[in-house]
N, C-alpha and C. Protein backbone atom coordinates (compact mmCIF):
# COMPACT_ATOMS: atom_id res chain seq x y z
N MET A 1 88.06 44.31 125.27
CA MET A 1 89.06 44.10 125.03
C MET A 1 88.72 41.92 124.70
N THR A 2 90.01 42.08 124.06
CA THR A 2 89.80 40.46 123.85
C THR A 2 91.13 40.03 122.88
N TRP A 3 91.12 39.20 123.21
CA TRP A 3 92.46 38.38 122.77
C TRP A 3 92.16 37.20 121.45
N GLU A 4 93.10 37.17 120.82
CA GLU A 4 92.85 37.02 119.12
C GLU A 4 93.36 35.82 119.49
N LEU A 5 93.56 34.50 118.50
CA LEU A 5 95.12 33.85 117.81
C LEU A 5 94.47 33.08 116.42
N CYS A 6 95.28 34.19 115.33
CA CYS A 6 94.90 33.59 114.15
C CYS A 6 95.83 32.81 113.55
N LYS A 7 95.63 32.02 112.90
CA LYS A 7 96.78 32.16 111.98
C LYS A 7 96.89 32.42 110.80
N PHE A 8 97.92 32.34 109.65
CA PHE A 8 98.06 33.65 109.44
C PHE A 8 97.25 33.71 107.74
N ASP A 9 96.84 32.81 107.04
CA ASP A 9 96.05 33.40 105.86
C ASP A 9 94.46 32.79 107.18
N GLU A 10 94.39 33.72 108.23
CA GLU A 10 92.55 34.23 108.49
C GLU A 10 93.21 35.31 109.31
N LEU A 11 94.36 36.12 108.71
CA LEU A 11 93.85 37.74 109.89
C LEU A 11 93.87 38.19 107.74
N THR A 12 93.45 39.44 108.66
CA THR A 12 92.82 39.91 107.18
C THR A 12 93.56 41.01 106.43
N ALA A 13 94.06 41.15 105.13
CA ALA A 13 95.27 42.78 105.21
C ALA A 13 95.64 43.73 105.99
N ALA A 14 94.32 44.41 106.79
CA ALA A 14 94.18 44.78 107.36
C ALA A 14 94.84 44.80 108.87
N GLU A 15 94.87 43.52 109.41
CA GLU A 15 94.85 43.32 110.79
C GLU A 15 96.57 42.85 110.30
N LEU A 16 96.58 42.41 109.49
CA LEU A 16 98.56 42.03 109.49
C LEU A 16 99.44 43.56 109.43
N TYR A 17 98.70 43.95 108.39
CA TYR A 17 99.53 45.70 108.26
C TYR A 17 99.50 46.16 109.89
N GLU A 18 98.31 46.16 110.56
CA GLU A 18 99.02 46.46 111.80
C GLU A 18 99.77 45.47 112.66
N LEU A 19 99.64 44.99 112.79
CA LEU A 19 100.87 43.37 113.69
C LEU A 19 101.82 43.66 112.87
N LEU A 20 102.60 43.35 111.63
CA LEU A 20 103.64 44.56 111.07
C LEU A 20 104.25 45.32 111.24
N LYS A 21 103.01 46.46 111.30
CA LYS A 21 103.35 47.94 111.80
C LYS A 21 103.83 48.18 113.26
N LEU A 22 103.02 47.06 114.14
CA LEU A 22 104.05 48.08 115.61
C LEU A 22 104.85 46.58 115.84
N ARG A 23 105.39 45.64 115.04
CA ARG A 23 106.56 45.40 115.00
C ARG A 23 107.64 46.11 114.79
N VAL A 24 107.16 46.67 113.93
CA VAL A 24 107.97 47.57 113.06
C VAL A 24 108.39 49.09 114.27
N ASP A 25 107.71 49.54 114.70
CA ASP A 25 107.20 50.68 115.88
C ASP A 25 108.53 49.88 116.87
N VAL A 26 107.77 49.27 117.64
CA VAL A 26 109.16 48.93 118.49
C VAL A 26 110.11 48.60 118.46
N PHE A 27 110.45 47.41 117.43
CA PHE A 27 111.96 46.90 117.27
C PHE A 27 112.90 47.30 116.07
N VAL A 28 111.90 47.99 115.29
CA VAL A 28 113.03 49.15 114.94
C VAL A 28 113.35 50.66 114.72
N VAL A 29 111.97 50.74 115.55
CA VAL A 29 112.36 52.61 115.48
C VAL A 29 111.87 52.52 117.12
N GLU A 30 111.31 52.18 118.30
CA GLU A 30 112.00 52.46 119.55
C GLU A 30 113.47 51.89 119.79
N GLN A 31 113.20 50.78 119.74
CA GLN A 31 114.34 50.18 119.98
C GLN A 31 115.89 51.07 118.84
N ASN A 32 115.86 51.46 118.00
CA ASN A 32 116.97 52.11 117.04
C ASN A 32 117.80 50.66 116.29
N CYS A 33 116.90 50.42 115.78
CA CYS A 33 117.42 48.65 115.40
C CYS A 33 117.35 48.26 114.19
N PRO A 34 118.23 49.25 112.68
CA PRO A 34 117.14 48.38 111.74
C PRO A 34 117.35 47.10 111.30
N TYR A 35 116.80 46.05 110.90
CA TYR A 35 117.01 44.41 111.00
C TYR A 35 115.73 44.31 109.38
N PRO A 36 115.88 42.74 109.28
CA PRO A 36 115.06 42.16 108.01
C PRO A 36 114.10 42.33 108.89
N GLU A 37 112.96 42.67 109.68
CA GLU A 37 111.56 42.02 110.34
C GLU A 37 110.64 41.81 109.52
N LEU A 38 110.36 40.96 108.49
CA LEU A 38 110.18 40.65 107.51
C LEU A 38 110.73 39.26 107.31
N ASP A 39 110.70 37.70 107.16
CA ASP A 39 111.20 36.80 108.23
C ASP A 39 111.17 35.42 107.46
N GLY A 40 109.89 35.57 106.87
CA GLY A 40 109.43 34.68 106.05
C GLY A 40 108.84 33.37 106.73
N LEU A 41 109.02 33.34 108.65
CA LEU A 41 108.39 32.43 109.32
C LEU A 41 106.75 33.03 109.99
N ASP A 42 106.60 34.06 108.90
CA ASP A 42 105.57 34.29 109.72
C ASP A 42 104.15 33.76 109.11
N GLN A 43 104.14 33.36 108.15
CA GLN A 43 102.76 32.54 106.89
C GLN A 43 102.61 31.42 107.84
N ASP A 44 103.83 31.37 108.50
CA ASP A 44 103.55 29.17 108.77
C ASP A 44 103.48 29.39 110.12
N SER A 45 103.05 30.98 110.78
CA SER A 45 103.10 31.51 112.23
C SER A 45 101.17 30.83 112.95
N VAL A 46 101.44 31.10 113.86
CA VAL A 46 100.19 31.19 114.81
C VAL A 46 100.55 33.46 115.85
N HIS A 47 99.44 33.78 115.04
CA HIS A 47 99.33 35.16 115.70
C HIS A 47 98.28 35.56 116.90
N LEU A 48 99.15 35.32 117.87
CA LEU A 48 98.21 35.84 118.92
C LEU A 48 98.11 37.56 119.51
N ALA A 49 97.18 38.16 119.31
CA ALA A 49 96.83 39.08 119.25
C ALA A 49 95.55 39.60 120.48
N PHE A 50 95.90 40.72 121.73
CA PHE A 50 95.56 41.57 122.62
C PHE A 50 95.04 43.05 121.79
N ARG A 51 93.53 42.35 122.08
CA ARG A 51 93.17 44.36 121.28
C ARG A 51 92.31 44.92 122.51
N GLU A 52 92.88 46.23 122.13
CA GLU A 52 91.60 47.15 123.07
C GLU A 52 90.83 48.58 122.88
N ASN A 53 89.68 48.97 122.07
CA ASN A 53 89.61 49.68 121.60
C ASN A 53 90.31 50.30 120.54
N GLY A 54 90.01 48.57 120.00
CA GLY A 54 90.25 48.71 118.10
C GLY A 54 92.04 48.53 118.03
N GLU A 55 92.61 48.49 119.23
CA GLU A 55 93.35 48.77 119.12
C GLU A 55 95.04 47.78 119.42
N VAL A 56 95.75 47.15 118.47
CA VAL A 56 96.20 46.00 119.62
C VAL A 56 98.03 46.47 120.44
N LEU A 57 97.86 45.86 121.20
CA LEU A 57 98.07 46.09 122.45
C LEU A 57 99.28 45.66 122.89
N ALA A 58 99.14 43.84 122.81
CA ALA A 58 100.45 43.43 122.60
C ALA A 58 100.20 42.31 121.90
N TYR A 59 101.19 41.48 121.43
CA TYR A 59 101.01 40.54 119.91
C TYR A 59 102.24 39.88 120.44
N ALA A 60 101.73 38.35 120.33
CA ALA A 60 103.10 37.18 119.87
C ALA A 60 103.28 36.45 118.68
N ARG A 61 104.19 35.57 118.45
CA ARG A 61 104.39 35.13 116.96
C ARG A 61 104.53 34.09 117.99
N LEU A 62 103.82 32.98 117.44
CA LEU A 62 103.87 31.38 117.96
C LEU A 62 104.66 30.43 116.14
N VAL A 63 105.54 29.34 116.82
CA VAL A 63 106.36 28.90 115.51
C VAL A 63 106.50 27.92 115.65
N PRO A 64 105.46 27.03 115.11
CA PRO A 64 105.46 25.11 115.01
C PRO A 64 107.23 25.24 114.86
N ALA A 65 107.29 23.38 115.59
CA ALA A 65 108.31 22.70 115.67
C ALA A 65 108.92 22.58 114.32
N GLY A 66 110.15 22.40 114.26
CA GLY A 66 110.58 22.32 113.05
C GLY A 66 110.83 24.04 112.03
N ILE A 67 110.48 24.79 112.40
CA ILE A 67 111.07 26.32 111.51
C ILE A 67 111.28 26.40 111.93
N LYS A 68 111.30 27.19 112.40
CA LYS A 68 112.45 28.33 112.80
C LYS A 68 113.70 26.94 114.22
N TYR A 69 113.05 26.31 114.66
CA TYR A 69 113.67 25.48 115.62
C TYR A 69 113.37 24.44 116.04
N ASP A 70 114.23 23.23 115.86
CA ASP A 70 113.30 21.14 116.07
C ASP A 70 111.93 21.77 117.07
N VAL A 71 111.81 22.44 117.94
CA VAL A 71 110.29 22.59 119.15
C VAL A 71 110.04 23.96 118.43
N PRO A 72 108.45 23.84 119.18
CA PRO A 72 108.15 25.28 118.62
C PRO A 72 108.83 26.33 119.31
N SER A 73 108.65 27.60 119.01
CA SER A 73 109.08 29.01 119.42
C SER A 73 108.21 29.93 119.86
N ILE A 74 109.08 31.31 120.23
CA ILE A 74 108.05 32.01 120.54
C ILE A 74 108.52 33.17 120.16
N GLY A 75 107.83 33.69 119.37
CA GLY A 75 109.03 35.23 118.58
C GLY A 75 107.82 36.31 118.56
N ARG A 76 109.00 37.96 118.54
CA ARG A 76 108.36 39.32 118.28
C ARG A 76 107.49 38.88 119.44
N VAL A 77 107.85 39.19 120.27
CA VAL A 77 106.88 38.96 121.45
C VAL A 77 106.56 40.96 122.39
N ILE A 78 105.70 41.72 122.50
CA ILE A 78 105.54 43.24 122.12
C ILE A 78 104.34 43.41 123.29
N VAL A 79 105.13 44.39 124.05
CA VAL A 79 103.65 45.26 124.81
C VAL A 79 103.54 46.46 123.76
N ARG A 80 103.00 46.81 123.61
CA ARG A 80 103.14 48.76 123.13
C ARG A 80 103.15 49.63 123.85
N GLN A 81 103.92 50.09 124.49
CA GLN A 81 104.71 51.78 124.70
C GLN A 81 103.77 51.88 126.05
N GLU A 82 102.87 52.35 125.44
CA GLU A 82 101.19 53.33 126.53
C GLU A 82 100.54 52.02 126.85
N ALA A 83 100.77 50.70 126.78
CA ALA A 83 100.36 49.68 127.67
C ALA A 83 100.98 49.03 128.41
N ARG A 84 102.83 49.24 128.94
CA ARG A 84 103.35 48.57 129.84
C ARG A 84 102.57 48.31 130.91
N GLY A 85 102.80 47.80 132.01
CA GLY A 85 102.60 48.28 133.11
C GLY A 85 101.88 47.98 133.53
N ARG A 86 101.30 47.04 132.85
CA ARG A 86 99.23 46.51 132.95
C ARG A 86 99.84 45.24 133.24
N GLY A 87 100.68 44.11 132.88
CA GLY A 87 100.56 43.13 133.31
C GLY A 87 100.36 41.56 132.36
N LEU A 88 99.72 42.89 130.98
CA LEU A 88 100.19 42.64 129.70
C LEU A 88 101.32 41.09 129.09
N ALA A 89 102.37 41.52 129.05
CA ALA A 89 103.79 40.76 129.03
C ALA A 89 103.17 38.79 129.55
N ARG A 90 103.39 39.36 130.91
CA ARG A 90 102.82 38.09 131.50
C ARG A 90 101.53 37.48 131.14
N GLU A 91 100.67 37.97 130.77
CA GLU A 91 99.08 37.48 130.30
C GLU A 91 99.64 36.61 128.80
N LEU A 92 100.22 37.60 128.19
CA LEU A 92 100.60 36.99 127.17
C LEU A 92 101.39 36.23 127.08
N MET A 93 101.73 35.72 127.46
CA MET A 93 102.82 35.08 128.02
C MET A 93 102.44 33.20 128.23
N ARG A 94 101.74 33.69 128.83
CA ARG A 94 100.54 32.75 129.82
C ARG A 94 99.69 31.94 128.57
N ARG A 95 99.35 32.82 127.84
CA ARG A 95 98.32 32.17 126.93
C ARG A 95 99.39 31.67 125.53
N CYS A 96 100.52 31.99 125.25
CA CYS A 96 100.84 31.20 124.48
C CYS A 96 101.66 30.38 124.58
N LEU A 97 102.00 29.77 126.29
CA LEU A 97 102.82 28.26 126.53
C LEU A 97 101.33 28.00 126.89
N ASP A 98 100.07 28.16 127.02
CA ASP A 98 98.76 27.32 127.50
C ASP A 98 98.80 27.11 125.62
N PHE A 99 98.44 27.70 124.80
CA PHE A 99 98.31 27.04 123.19
C PHE A 99 99.84 26.71 123.00
N ILE A 100 100.66 26.69 122.62
CA ILE A 100 101.73 25.96 122.73
C ILE A 100 101.52 24.14 123.32
N PHE A 101 101.30 24.72 124.17
CA PHE A 101 101.85 22.49 125.04
C PHE A 101 100.17 21.91 125.09
N THR A 102 99.22 22.98 125.27
CA THR A 102 97.25 22.31 124.76
C THR A 102 97.88 21.82 122.88
N GLU A 103 98.06 22.79 122.38
CA GLU A 103 97.82 22.65 120.51
C GLU A 103 98.81 21.63 120.37
N TRP A 104 100.83 21.17 120.45
CA TRP A 104 101.33 20.95 119.16
C TRP A 104 102.00 19.99 120.67
N GLN A 105 101.60 20.20 122.13
CA GLN A 105 102.20 19.37 123.06
C GLN A 105 103.63 18.81 122.62
N PRO A 106 104.38 19.80 122.80
CA PRO A 106 106.00 19.77 122.16
C PRO A 106 106.83 18.78 123.92
N GLU A 107 107.75 18.82 123.60
CA GLU A 107 108.89 18.72 125.32
C GLU A 107 109.11 19.67 124.97
N ALA A 108 109.33 20.84 124.94
CA ALA A 108 110.10 21.73 124.98
C ALA A 108 109.49 22.28 124.10
N VAL A 109 109.76 23.94 124.95
CA VAL A 109 108.76 25.58 124.12
C VAL A 109 111.33 26.26 123.74
N GLN A 110 111.05 26.91 122.83
CA GLN A 110 112.25 28.00 123.04
C GLN A 110 112.00 28.80 122.31
N LEU A 111 113.37 30.49 122.87
CA LEU A 111 113.08 31.72 122.34
C LEU A 111 114.43 32.84 121.81
N GLN A 112 114.00 33.34 121.88
CA GLN A 112 115.48 33.50 121.70
C GLN A 112 115.56 35.87 122.55
N GLY A 113 115.39 36.11 123.01
CA GLY A 113 115.40 36.84 123.90
C GLY A 113 116.25 38.09 123.81
N GLN A 114 115.44 38.89 124.45
CA GLN A 114 116.75 40.55 124.53
C GLN A 114 117.36 40.03 125.73
N VAL A 115 118.31 40.04 126.32
CA VAL A 115 119.16 39.71 127.39
C VAL A 115 118.30 40.32 128.56
N TYR A 116 118.01 42.01 128.48
CA TYR A 116 117.83 42.23 129.35
C TYR A 116 115.70 42.11 130.04
N LEU A 117 115.31 41.11 129.18
CA LEU A 117 114.75 40.72 129.25
C LEU A 117 114.69 38.75 130.29
N LYS A 118 115.75 37.95 130.40
CA LYS A 118 116.18 37.20 130.86
C LYS A 118 114.80 36.82 132.23
N GLU A 119 115.13 37.09 133.56
CA GLU A 119 114.75 37.52 134.64
C GLU A 119 113.38 37.38 134.35
N PHE A 120 112.27 37.67 133.43
CA PHE A 120 110.96 37.48 133.23
C PHE A 120 110.98 36.42 132.36
N TYR A 121 111.38 35.73 131.35
CA TYR A 121 111.29 34.30 130.74
C TYR A 121 111.46 33.35 131.75
N GLN A 122 112.58 33.47 132.65
CA GLN A 122 112.73 32.35 133.36
C GLN A 122 112.01 32.47 134.48
N SER A 123 111.03 33.53 134.52
CA SER A 123 109.66 33.39 135.68
C SER A 123 109.09 32.75 135.48
N PHE A 124 108.98 32.13 133.45
CA PHE A 124 108.02 31.06 133.15
C PHE A 124 108.49 29.89 133.43
N GLY A 125 109.80 29.67 133.54
CA GLY A 125 110.79 28.31 133.52
C GLY A 125 111.30 28.22 132.65
N PHE A 126 112.05 29.11 131.52
CA PHE A 126 112.96 29.27 130.50
C PHE A 126 114.31 29.41 131.02
N GLU A 127 115.39 28.75 130.58
CA GLU A 127 116.24 28.54 130.71
C GLU A 127 117.58 28.78 129.56
N PRO A 128 118.60 29.30 130.30
CA PRO A 128 119.17 30.26 129.09
C PRO A 128 120.40 28.66 128.29
N VAL A 129 120.29 28.25 126.99
CA VAL A 129 121.08 27.57 126.43
C VAL A 129 121.95 28.52 125.20
N SER A 130 122.22 29.32 125.82
CA SER A 130 123.19 29.93 124.49
C SER A 130 124.39 31.07 125.74
N GLU A 131 125.11 31.25 125.06
CA GLU A 131 125.55 32.57 125.56
C GLU A 131 125.26 34.08 125.43
N GLU A 132 126.08 34.88 125.87
CA GLU A 132 124.59 36.38 125.37
C GLU A 132 125.60 35.74 123.76
N TYR A 133 125.20 36.62 123.06
CA TYR A 133 125.47 36.73 121.77
C TYR A 133 124.87 38.07 121.04
N ASP A 134 125.44 38.75 119.76
CA ASP A 134 124.95 40.22 119.30
C ASP A 134 123.49 39.98 118.78
N GLU A 135 122.43 40.49 118.27
CA GLU A 135 121.93 40.60 116.99
C GLU A 135 121.16 41.41 116.85
N ASP A 136 121.78 41.96 116.07
CA ASP A 136 121.54 43.58 114.95
C ASP A 136 122.24 44.70 116.20
N GLY A 137 123.26 44.48 116.88
CA GLY A 137 123.14 45.39 117.63
C GLY A 137 122.56 45.11 119.53
N ILE A 138 121.69 44.10 119.60
CA ILE A 138 120.84 44.18 120.68
C ILE A 138 121.94 42.99 121.48
N PRO A 139 122.24 42.61 122.95
CA PRO A 139 122.33 41.29 123.19
C PRO A 139 121.12 40.38 123.13
N HIS A 140 121.58 39.38 123.29
CA HIS A 140 120.36 38.63 122.84
C HIS A 140 120.93 37.19 123.59
N LEU A 141 120.04 36.21 123.80
CA LEU A 141 120.67 34.38 124.53
C LEU A 141 119.42 33.13 123.80
N ASP A 142 119.16 32.37 123.56
CA ASP A 142 119.07 31.81 123.28
C ASP A 142 118.17 31.36 124.76
N MET A 143 116.88 30.72 125.31
CA MET A 143 115.99 30.14 126.12
C MET A 143 115.05 28.79 125.82
N LYS A 144 115.50 27.93 126.92
CA LYS A 144 114.27 27.06 126.64
C LYS A 144 113.36 26.87 127.60
N LEU A 145 112.54 26.25 127.34
CA LEU A 145 111.64 25.67 128.73
C LEU A 145 110.93 24.39 128.63
N GLU A 146 112.30 23.42 128.80
CA GLU A 146 112.03 22.18 129.47
C GLU A 146 110.98 21.22 129.76
N GLY A 147 110.14 19.89 129.40
CA GLY A 147 109.20 19.38 129.91
C GLY A 147 107.22 20.66 129.03
N THR A 148 107.14 20.15 131.16
CA THR A 148 105.31 20.80 130.72
C THR A 148 105.62 22.55 131.09
N LYS A 149 104.70 23.03 131.11
CA LYS A 149 104.32 24.56 130.96
C LYS A 149 104.40 24.88 132.59
N LYS A 150 105.45 26.17 132.51
CA LYS A 150 104.98 26.51 133.89
C LYS A 150 104.22 28.19 133.81
N ASP A 151 103.72 27.93 135.47
CA ASP A 151 102.99 29.57 135.68
C ASP A 151 104.29 30.02 136.34
């Protein structure tokens, strides 16, 4: 069981393929939501993945300030379906925030979350900064964590 943090150019072709396949499996296939998964943000991002027995079970993409938003953002937050219920999502978010606040030291962090996860993100201190909106057929809202990291 390992947590891996990599910049885009540090990923091997096989690792990148595995991360992209997981993202498509969850966001496109499982959620039945055809949308452009490859959005041009991966190359500037840091990728955090949890691997167990050679398989990625949890993943998130950390986007530096000035790329998607004025502040750093967290996106593509995933826990593989068969690994859910083990606390991996909470550990993933904790590690995302630890990295962002330690390495980039921002005044805030933003994310675009699915509405059903609103309370989960609020448990880390994120608060809605938009009304609910439809993104590719799924209700979303923008959320922001102001100030210091929350656990």
